[in-house]
Amino acid sequence: MPTTPFPDSEEIDALQCRLTIHRRNLYRLEEQKAKYGFDVPLRILNEIAEQEEAIAQIEARRAEREIADLRSQLAEYQAEYRELGCE
């Protein structure tokens, strides 16, 4: 069984941290938007769109890294399985 963390796990953790920050920013912007009612400044609407886009990009990147991590783990387990003669 692999005993060392996979190299992409640090990137996944960093992406999760960035995702948390962007979600927090989005939440605060949504609160500001709610205070304005129907007369929301364009600046706030643009910032909301930017945060949503950043969140979507980070989620996509995190999913890619998680899939790569799983593939790497699978390859290691398959190699270990073969080494044990369990083909």
N, C-alpha and C. Protein backbone atom coordinates (compact mmCIF):
# COMPACT_ATOMS: atom_id res chain seq x y z
N MET A 1 0.85 -1.17 0.00
CA MET A 1 0.00 0.00 0.00
C MET A 1 0.90 1.24 0.00
N PRO A 2 0.58 2.28 -0.80
CA PRO A 2 1.41 3.47 -0.85
C PRO A 2 1.44 4.16 0.51
N THR A 3 2.65 4.60 0.88
CA THR A 3 2.79 5.25 2.18
C THR A 3 3.07 6.73 2.07
N THR A 4 3.43 7.21 0.88
CA THR A 4 3.72 8.63 0.72
C THR A 4 2.54 9.31 0.04
N PRO A 5 2.31 10.59 0.37
CA PRO A 5 1.23 11.30 -0.31
C PRO A 5 1.58 11.50 -1.77
N PHE A 6 0.59 11.57 -2.58
CA PHE A 6 0.81 11.78 -4.00
C PHE A 6 1.11 13.26 -4.24
N PRO A 7 1.94 13.57 -5.24
CA PRO A 7 2.37 14.94 -5.45
C PRO A 7 1.23 15.92 -5.70
N ASP A 8 0.16 15.46 -6.29
CA ASP A 8 -0.94 16.35 -6.61
C ASP A 8 -1.82 16.68 -5.40
N SER A 9 -1.65 15.97 -4.30
CA SER A 9 -2.50 16.23 -3.14
C SER A 9 -2.25 17.63 -2.57
N GLU A 10 -1.01 18.12 -2.66
CA GLU A 10 -0.74 19.48 -2.20
C GLU A 10 -1.45 20.50 -3.08
N GLU A 11 -1.46 20.26 -4.37
CA GLU A 11 -2.17 21.16 -5.28
C GLU A 11 -3.67 21.13 -5.00
N ILE A 12 -4.19 19.96 -4.74
CA ILE A 12 -5.62 19.85 -4.43
C ILE A 12 -5.95 20.64 -3.16
N ASP A 13 -5.08 20.53 -2.16
CA ASP A 13 -5.29 21.30 -0.92
C ASP A 13 -5.24 22.80 -1.19
N ALA A 14 -4.31 23.24 -2.02
CA ALA A 14 -4.20 24.66 -2.35
C ALA A 14 -5.43 25.13 -3.12
N LEU A 15 -5.91 24.30 -4.03
CA LEU A 15 -7.12 24.65 -4.77
C LEU A 15 -8.32 24.74 -3.84
N GLN A 16 -8.40 23.84 -2.88
CA GLN A 16 -9.50 23.88 -1.91
C GLN A 16 -9.45 25.17 -1.10
N CYS A 17 -8.26 25.58 -0.72
CA CYS A 17 -8.10 26.83 0.03
C CYS A 17 -8.57 28.02 -0.81
N ARG A 18 -8.14 28.07 -2.08
CA ARG A 18 -8.58 29.16 -2.96
C ARG A 18 -10.10 29.13 -3.16
N LEU A 19 -10.64 27.93 -3.28
CA LEU A 19 -12.08 27.79 -3.46
C LEU A 19 -12.84 28.35 -2.26
N THR A 20 -12.35 28.08 -1.07
CA THR A 20 -12.96 28.60 0.15
C THR A 20 -12.95 30.13 0.15
N ILE A 21 -11.83 30.71 -0.25
CA ILE A 21 -11.72 32.17 -0.29
C ILE A 21 -12.71 32.77 -1.29
N HIS A 22 -12.79 32.19 -2.48
CA HIS A 22 -13.71 32.72 -3.50
C HIS A 22 -15.17 32.55 -3.08
N ARG A 23 -15.48 31.44 -2.44
CA ARG A 23 -16.86 31.25 -1.97
C ARG A 23 -17.21 32.25 -0.88
N ARG A 24 -16.26 32.54 -0.01
CA ARG A 24 -16.48 33.54 1.03
C ARG A 24 -16.69 34.92 0.39
N ASN A 25 -15.87 35.25 -0.59
CA ASN A 25 -16.03 36.52 -1.31
C ASN A 25 -17.40 36.60 -1.96
N LEU A 26 -17.81 35.51 -2.60
CA LEU A 26 -19.11 35.48 -3.27
C LEU A 26 -20.24 35.68 -2.26
N TYR A 27 -20.14 35.03 -1.13
CA TYR A 27 -21.16 35.17 -0.09
C TYR A 27 -21.29 36.63 0.34
N ARG A 28 -20.16 37.29 0.56
CA ARG A 28 -20.18 38.69 0.98
C ARG A 28 -20.76 39.59 -0.11
N LEU A 29 -20.41 39.30 -1.34
CA LEU A 29 -20.98 40.09 -2.45
C LEU A 29 -22.48 39.87 -2.56
N GLU A 30 -22.92 38.64 -2.36
CA GLU A 30 -24.36 38.37 -2.40
C GLU A 30 -25.09 39.12 -1.29
N GLU A 31 -24.44 39.23 -0.13
CA GLU A 31 -25.04 40.02 0.96
C GLU A 31 -25.16 41.49 0.55
N GLN A 32 -24.12 42.03 -0.06
CA GLN A 32 -24.16 43.42 -0.52
C GLN A 32 -25.25 43.61 -1.57
N LYS A 33 -25.35 42.66 -2.47
CA LYS A 33 -26.37 42.71 -3.52
C LYS A 33 -27.76 42.75 -2.90
N ALA A 34 -27.98 41.94 -1.89
CA ALA A 34 -29.29 41.89 -1.23
C ALA A 34 -29.65 43.22 -0.59
N LYS A 35 -28.66 43.93 -0.08
CA LYS A 35 -28.91 45.22 0.57
C LYS A 35 -29.38 46.27 -0.43
N TYR A 36 -28.99 46.14 -1.69
CA TYR A 36 -29.38 47.11 -2.71
C TYR A 36 -30.75 46.81 -3.31
N GLY A 37 -31.24 45.63 -3.13
CA GLY A 37 -32.53 45.29 -3.73
C GLY A 37 -32.40 45.22 -5.24
N PHE A 38 -33.27 45.98 -5.95
CA PHE A 38 -33.27 45.93 -7.42
C PHE A 38 -32.25 46.88 -8.04
N ASP A 39 -31.70 47.79 -7.28
CA ASP A 39 -30.78 48.81 -7.80
C ASP A 39 -29.33 48.46 -7.44
N VAL A 40 -28.89 47.29 -7.88
CA VAL A 40 -27.55 46.79 -7.54
C VAL A 40 -26.53 47.46 -8.46
N PRO A 41 -25.48 48.04 -7.88
CA PRO A 41 -24.43 48.64 -8.72
C PRO A 41 -23.79 47.60 -9.64
N LEU A 42 -23.47 48.03 -10.83
CA LEU A 42 -22.87 47.15 -11.82
C LEU A 42 -21.56 46.55 -11.31
N ARG A 43 -20.82 47.31 -10.54
CA ARG A 43 -19.56 46.83 -9.97
C ARG A 43 -19.78 45.55 -9.17
N ILE A 44 -20.82 45.52 -8.36
CA ILE A 44 -21.10 44.33 -7.53
C ILE A 44 -21.52 43.16 -8.42
N LEU A 45 -22.35 43.43 -9.41
CA LEU A 45 -22.77 42.36 -10.32
C LEU A 45 -21.57 41.78 -11.06
N ASN A 46 -20.66 42.64 -11.50
CA ASN A 46 -19.46 42.17 -12.20
C ASN A 46 -18.57 41.36 -11.26
N GLU A 47 -18.42 41.81 -10.03
CA GLU A 47 -17.59 41.07 -9.07
C GLU A 47 -18.20 39.70 -8.76
N ILE A 48 -19.52 39.64 -8.68
CA ILE A 48 -20.19 38.35 -8.45
C ILE A 48 -19.89 37.41 -9.62
N ALA A 49 -20.01 37.92 -10.84
CA ALA A 49 -19.74 37.10 -12.02
C ALA A 49 -18.28 36.62 -12.02
N GLU A 50 -17.35 37.48 -11.62
CA GLU A 50 -15.94 37.11 -11.57
C GLU A 50 -15.70 36.01 -10.53
N GLN A 51 -16.34 36.13 -9.37
CA GLN A 51 -16.17 35.11 -8.33
C GLN A 51 -16.77 33.78 -8.77
N GLU A 52 -17.92 33.83 -9.42
CA GLU A 52 -18.55 32.60 -9.90
C GLU A 52 -17.68 31.91 -10.94
N GLU A 53 -17.08 32.70 -11.83
CA GLU A 53 -16.19 32.15 -12.85
C GLU A 53 -14.94 31.54 -12.21
N ALA A 54 -14.37 32.23 -11.24
CA ALA A 54 -13.19 31.72 -10.54
C ALA A 54 -13.52 30.40 -9.83
N ILE A 55 -14.67 30.35 -9.20
CA ILE A 55 -15.10 29.13 -8.51
C ILE A 55 -15.25 27.98 -9.51
N ALA A 56 -15.87 28.24 -10.64
CA ALA A 56 -16.06 27.20 -11.65
C ALA A 56 -14.72 26.68 -12.17
N GLN A 57 -13.78 27.59 -12.41
CA GLN A 57 -12.46 27.18 -12.91
C GLN A 57 -11.70 26.36 -11.86
N ILE A 58 -11.76 26.80 -10.62
CA ILE A 58 -11.06 26.07 -9.56
C ILE A 58 -11.67 24.69 -9.36
N GLU A 59 -13.01 24.62 -9.38
CA GLU A 59 -13.66 23.32 -9.22
C GLU A 59 -13.28 22.37 -10.35
N ALA A 60 -13.20 22.89 -11.57
CA ALA A 60 -12.82 22.05 -12.70
C ALA A 60 -11.38 21.58 -12.55
N ARG A 61 -10.50 22.47 -12.16
CA ARG A 61 -9.09 22.11 -11.97
C ARG A 61 -8.93 21.10 -10.83
N ARG A 62 -9.67 21.32 -9.74
CA ARG A 62 -9.59 20.40 -8.62
C ARG A 62 -10.08 19.01 -9.03
N ALA A 63 -11.14 18.96 -9.80
CA ALA A 63 -11.66 17.67 -10.27
C ALA A 63 -10.62 16.97 -11.15
N GLU A 64 -9.95 17.72 -12.02
CA GLU A 64 -8.90 17.14 -12.85
C GLU A 64 -7.77 16.55 -12.00
N ARG A 65 -7.35 17.30 -10.98
CA ARG A 65 -6.26 16.84 -10.12
C ARG A 65 -6.69 15.62 -9.32
N GLU A 66 -7.93 15.62 -8.83
CA GLU A 66 -8.41 14.47 -8.06
C GLU A 66 -8.45 13.23 -8.94
N ILE A 67 -8.88 13.38 -10.17
CA ILE A 67 -8.91 12.25 -11.09
C ILE A 67 -7.50 11.75 -11.36
N ALA A 68 -6.56 12.69 -11.56
CA ALA A 68 -5.16 12.29 -11.78
C ALA A 68 -4.61 11.56 -10.56
N ASP A 69 -4.95 12.05 -9.37
CA ASP A 69 -4.52 11.38 -8.14
C ASP A 69 -5.06 9.96 -8.07
N LEU A 70 -6.34 9.81 -8.37
CA LEU A 70 -6.95 8.48 -8.32
C LEU A 70 -6.32 7.54 -9.34
N ARG A 71 -6.03 8.06 -10.52
CA ARG A 71 -5.37 7.22 -11.54
C ARG A 71 -3.99 6.78 -11.07
N SER A 72 -3.27 7.71 -10.44
CA SER A 72 -1.95 7.39 -9.92
C SER A 72 -2.03 6.33 -8.83
N GLN A 73 -2.98 6.49 -7.94
CA GLN A 73 -3.16 5.50 -6.88
C GLN A 73 -3.53 4.14 -7.46
N LEU A 74 -4.42 4.15 -8.44
CA LEU A 74 -4.83 2.90 -9.07
C LEU A 74 -3.64 2.21 -9.71
N ALA A 75 -2.80 2.96 -10.40
CA ALA A 75 -1.62 2.38 -11.04
C ALA A 75 -0.70 1.75 -9.99
N GLU A 76 -0.53 2.42 -8.86
CA GLU A 76 0.32 1.86 -7.80
C GLU A 76 -0.29 0.58 -7.23
N TYR A 77 -1.58 0.60 -7.00
CA TYR A 77 -2.23 -0.60 -6.47
C TYR A 77 -2.18 -1.75 -7.46
N GLN A 78 -2.35 -1.43 -8.74
CA GLN A 78 -2.27 -2.48 -9.76
C GLN A 78 -0.87 -3.08 -9.81
N ALA A 79 0.15 -2.21 -9.70
CA ALA A 79 1.53 -2.72 -9.71
C ALA A 79 1.78 -3.60 -8.49
N GLU A 80 1.31 -3.17 -7.34
CA GLU A 80 1.47 -3.96 -6.13
C GLU A 80 0.73 -5.30 -6.24
N TYR A 81 -0.43 -5.27 -6.84
CA TYR A 81 -1.23 -6.48 -7.04
C TYR A 81 -0.47 -7.45 -7.94
N ARG A 82 0.13 -6.92 -9.02
CA ARG A 82 0.91 -7.77 -9.92
C ARG A 82 2.13 -8.35 -9.22
N GLU A 83 2.79 -7.54 -8.38
CA GLU A 83 3.97 -7.99 -7.65
C GLU A 83 3.63 -9.17 -6.71
N LEU A 84 2.41 -9.18 -6.20
CA LEU A 84 1.99 -10.25 -5.32
C LEU A 84 1.58 -11.50 -6.11
N GLY A 85 1.59 -11.38 -7.44
CA GLY A 85 1.24 -12.52 -8.30
C GLY A 85 -0.24 -12.79 -8.33
N CYS A 86 -1.04 -11.76 -8.17
CA CYS A 86 -2.49 -11.92 -8.10
C CYS A 86 -3.19 -11.56 -9.41
N GLU A 87 -2.51 -11.71 -10.51
CA GLU A 87 -3.15 -11.30 -11.78
C GLU A 87 -4.23 -12.20 -12.15
